[in-house]
């Protein structure tokens, strides 16, 4: 799994600071698993294509099919047209290149967790 997480989403508090700390600790643990690559998109890059909302690129090798799942307020929407998949893949790739690398991501998570413990 490759996950790209906007830093602003990591700082939104649901509940108290201890809930956020536990969530970040879980992301840190998952980021250390060899099957996962998690990268933070720094807040400093500002508005970007992912700001419009969350999306998931899914590949189904057995069906030789790619699908984009987009979360909306009303219901999820699936796109499987080649142009749509390419558009979302290009956006993801550009954002991935601007994100912190996995080591920097873990460092940022650890720093934020430490701040929340104070």
C-alpha atoms as a PDB file:
ATOM      1  CA  UNK A   1       0.000   0.000   0.000  1.00  0.00           C
ATOM      2  CA  UNK A   2       1.175   3.486  -0.809  1.00  0.00           C
ATOM      3  CA  UNK A   3      -0.540   6.266   1.118  1.00  0.00           C
ATOM      4  CA  UNK A   4      -0.146   9.981   0.673  1.00  0.00           C
ATOM      5  CA  UNK A   5      -1.539  11.977   3.579  1.00  0.00           C
ATOM      6  CA  UNK A   6      -1.969  15.739   3.643  1.00  0.00           C
ATOM      7  CA  UNK A   7      -0.266  17.078   6.767  1.00  0.00           C
ATOM      8  CA  UNK A   8      -3.316  19.215   7.582  1.00  0.00           C
ATOM      9  CA  UNK A   9      -5.395  16.043   7.915  1.00  0.00           C
ATOM     10  CA  UNK A  10      -2.928  14.707  10.480  1.00  0.00           C
ATOM     11  CA  UNK A  11      -3.406  17.738  12.697  1.00  0.00           C
ATOM     12  CA  UNK A  12      -7.204  17.759  12.835  1.00  0.00           C
ATOM     13  CA  UNK A  13      -8.276  16.774  16.317  1.00  0.00           C
ATOM     14  CA  UNK A  14     -11.176  14.418  16.876  1.00  0.00           C
ATOM     15  CA  UNK A  15     -11.653  14.066  20.601  1.00  0.00           C
ATOM     16  CA  UNK A  16      -8.740  15.175  22.728  1.00  0.00           C
ATOM     17  CA  UNK A  17      -5.008  15.279  22.049  1.00  0.00           C
ATOM     18  CA  UNK A  18      -4.554  11.722  23.307  1.00  0.00           C
ATOM     19  CA  UNK A  19      -6.817  10.421  20.525  1.00  0.00           C
ATOM     20  CA  UNK A  20      -4.764  12.260  17.899  1.00  0.00           C
ATOM     21  CA  UNK A  21      -1.530  10.988  19.469  1.00  0.00           C
ATOM     22  CA  UNK A  22      -2.738   7.373  19.314  1.00  0.00           C
ATOM     23  CA  UNK A  23      -3.808   7.812  15.688  1.00  0.00           C
ATOM     24  CA  UNK A  24      -0.388   9.183  14.765  1.00  0.00           C
ATOM     25  CA  UNK A  25       1.324   6.377  16.669  1.00  0.00           C
ATOM     26  CA  UNK A  26      -0.675   3.865  14.615  1.00  0.00           C
ATOM     27  CA  UNK A  27       0.289   5.576  11.362  1.00  0.00           C
ATOM     28  CA  UNK A  28       3.925   5.467  12.502  1.00  0.00           C
ATOM     29  CA  UNK A  29       3.702   1.724  13.207  1.00  0.00           C
ATOM     30  CA  UNK A  30       2.085   1.097   9.818  1.00  0.00           C
ATOM     31  CA  UNK A  31       4.739   3.221   8.081  1.00  0.00           C
ATOM     32  CA  UNK A  32       7.410   0.869   9.416  1.00  0.00           C
ATOM     33  CA  UNK A  33       5.825  -2.200   7.813  1.00  0.00           C
ATOM     34  CA  UNK A  34       7.684  -3.281   4.660  1.00  0.00           C
ATOM     35  CA  UNK A  35       4.444  -3.663   2.705  1.00  0.00           C
ATOM     36  CA  UNK A  36       3.492  -0.002   3.313  1.00  0.00           C
ATOM     37  CA  UNK A  37       4.931   3.287   2.135  1.00  0.00           C
ATOM     38  CA  UNK A  38       3.385   6.311   3.795  1.00  0.00           C
ATOM     39  CA  UNK A  39       4.388   9.834   2.894  1.00  0.00           C
ATOM     40  CA  UNK A  40       3.225  13.168   4.279  1.00  0.00           C
ATOM     41  CA  UNK A  41       2.416  15.987   1.909  1.00  0.00           C
ATOM     42  CA  UNK A  42       3.708  19.058   3.793  1.00  0.00           C
ATOM     43  CA  UNK A  43       1.317  21.857   4.575  1.00  0.00           C
ATOM     44  CA  UNK A  44       3.827  24.311   3.091  1.00  0.00           C
ATOM     45  CA  UNK A  45       3.040  23.268  -0.499  1.00  0.00           C
ATOM     46  CA  UNK A  46      -0.372  24.923  -0.164  1.00  0.00           C
ATOM     47  CA  UNK A  47      -3.374  24.197  -2.349  1.00  0.00           C
ATOM     48  CA  UNK A  48      -2.944  21.158  -4.602  1.00  0.00           C
ATOM     49  CA  UNK A  49      -5.083  18.758  -6.680  1.00  0.00           C
ATOM     50  CA  UNK A  50      -5.663  16.510  -3.673  1.00  0.00           C
ATOM     51  CA  UNK A  51      -7.211  19.422  -1.784  1.00  0.00           C
ATOM     52  CA  UNK A  52     -10.449  18.825  -3.678  1.00  0.00           C
ATOM     53  CA  UNK A  53     -10.969  15.619  -1.707  1.00  0.00           C
ATOM     54  CA  UNK A  54      -9.723  12.161  -0.960  1.00  0.00           C
ATOM     55  CA  UNK A  55      -9.295   9.634  -3.727  1.00  0.00           C
ATOM     56  CA  UNK A  56      -8.005   6.087  -3.959  1.00  0.00           C
ATOM     57  CA  UNK A  57      -6.338   4.490  -6.948  1.00  0.00           C
ATOM     58  CA  UNK A  58      -7.075   0.774  -7.031  1.00  0.00           C
ATOM     59  CA  UNK A  59      -5.467  -1.785  -9.297  1.00  0.00           C
ATOM     60  CA  UNK A  60      -6.974  -5.189  -9.902  1.00  0.00           C
ATOM     61  CA  UNK A  61      -4.241  -7.197 -11.658  1.00  0.00           C
ATOM     62  CA  UNK A  62      -6.387 -10.291 -12.091  1.00  0.00           C
ATOM     63  CA  UNK A  63      -8.890  -8.231 -14.062  1.00  0.00           C
ATOM     64  CA  UNK A  64      -6.265  -5.949 -15.658  1.00  0.00           C
ATOM     65  CA  UNK A  65      -8.357  -3.038 -14.435  1.00  0.00           C
ATOM     66  CA  UNK A  66      -7.718   0.228 -12.621  1.00  0.00           C
ATOM     67  CA  UNK A  67     -10.375   2.216 -10.794  1.00  0.00           C
ATOM     68  CA  UNK A  68     -10.420   5.567  -9.024  1.00  0.00           C
ATOM     69  CA  UNK A  69     -12.622   5.858  -5.954  1.00  0.00           C
ATOM     70  CA  UNK A  70     -13.522   9.439  -5.036  1.00  0.00           C
ATOM     71  CA  UNK A  71     -15.130  10.330  -1.746  1.00  0.00           C
ATOM     72  CA  UNK A  72     -17.907  12.925  -1.925  1.00  0.00           C
ATOM     73  CA  UNK A  73     -20.349  14.329   0.635  1.00  0.00           C
ATOM     74  CA  UNK A  74     -23.210  12.338  -0.829  1.00  0.00           C
ATOM     75  CA  UNK A  75     -21.699   9.038  -1.908  1.00  0.00           C
ATOM     76  CA  UNK A  76     -18.513   7.586  -3.340  1.00  0.00           C
ATOM     77  CA  UNK A  77     -17.995   7.792  -7.070  1.00  0.00           C
ATOM     78  CA  UNK A  78     -15.999   5.290  -9.121  1.00  0.00           C
ATOM     79  CA  UNK A  79     -14.201   6.148 -12.348  1.00  0.00           C
ATOM     80  CA  UNK A  80     -12.744   3.487 -14.577  1.00  0.00           C
ATOM     81  CA  UNK A  81     -12.370   5.346 -17.847  1.00  0.00           C
ATOM     82  CA  UNK A  82      -8.792   5.435 -19.088  1.00  0.00           C
ATOM     83  CA  UNK A  83      -8.667   9.261 -19.198  1.00  0.00           C
ATOM     84  CA  UNK A  84     -10.021   9.574 -15.661  1.00  0.00           C
ATOM     85  CA  UNK A  85      -7.619   6.988 -14.250  1.00  0.00           C
ATOM     86  CA  UNK A  86      -4.693   8.660 -16.014  1.00  0.00           C
ATOM     87  CA  UNK A  87      -5.696  12.091 -14.696  1.00  0.00           C
ATOM     88  CA  UNK A  88      -5.823  10.878 -11.098  1.00  0.00           C
ATOM     89  CA  UNK A  89      -2.648   8.826 -11.503  1.00  0.00           C
ATOM     90  CA  UNK A  90      -0.798  11.894 -12.814  1.00  0.00           C
ATOM     91  CA  UNK A  91      -2.071  14.001  -9.889  1.00  0.00           C
ATOM     92  CA  UNK A  92      -1.011  11.327  -7.386  1.00  0.00           C
ATOM     93  CA  UNK A  93       2.429  10.997  -8.976  1.00  0.00           C
ATOM     94  CA  UNK A  94       3.063  14.765  -8.860  1.00  0.00           C
ATOM     95  CA  UNK A  95       1.963  14.934  -5.227  1.00  0.00           C
ATOM     96  CA  UNK A  96       4.032  11.844  -4.343  1.00  0.00           C
ATOM     97  CA  UNK A  97       7.126  13.572  -5.733  1.00  0.00           C
ATOM     98  CA  UNK A  98       6.500  16.651  -3.551  1.00  0.00           C
ATOM     99  CA  UNK A  99       5.843  14.682  -0.372  1.00  0.00           C
ATOM    100  CA  UNK A 100       8.308  13.964   2.402  1.00  0.00           C
ATOM    101  CA  UNK A 101      10.219  10.748   1.838  1.00  0.00           C
ATOM    102  CA  UNK A 102       9.379   7.819   4.164  1.00  0.00           C
ATOM    103  CA  UNK A 103      12.205   8.613   6.605  1.00  0.00           C
ATOM    104  CA  UNK A 104      11.238  12.278   6.798  1.00  0.00           C
ATOM    105  CA  UNK A 105       7.621  11.235   7.249  1.00  0.00           C
ATOM    106  CA  UNK A 106       8.487   9.047  10.246  1.00  0.00           C
ATOM    107  CA  UNK A 107      10.582  11.873  11.722  1.00  0.00           C
ATOM    108  CA  UNK A 108       7.676  14.322  11.319  1.00  0.00           C
ATOM    109  CA  UNK A 109       5.274  11.841  12.917  1.00  0.00           C
ATOM    110  CA  UNK A 110       7.625  11.280  15.880  1.00  0.00           C
ATOM    111  CA  UNK A 111       8.064  15.044  16.390  1.00  0.00           C
ATOM    112  CA  UNK A 112       4.308  15.614  16.319  1.00  0.00           C
ATOM    113  CA  UNK A 113       3.688  12.728  18.739  1.00  0.00           C
ATOM    114  CA  UNK A 114       6.305  14.159  21.110  1.00  0.00           C
ATOM    115  CA  UNK A 115       4.639  17.593  20.965  1.00  0.00           C
ATOM    116  CA  UNK A 116       1.283  16.031  21.798  1.00  0.00           C
ATOM    117  CA  UNK A 117       2.762  14.337  24.892  1.00  0.00           C
ATOM    118  CA  UNK A 118       3.587  17.709  26.452  1.00  0.00           C
END
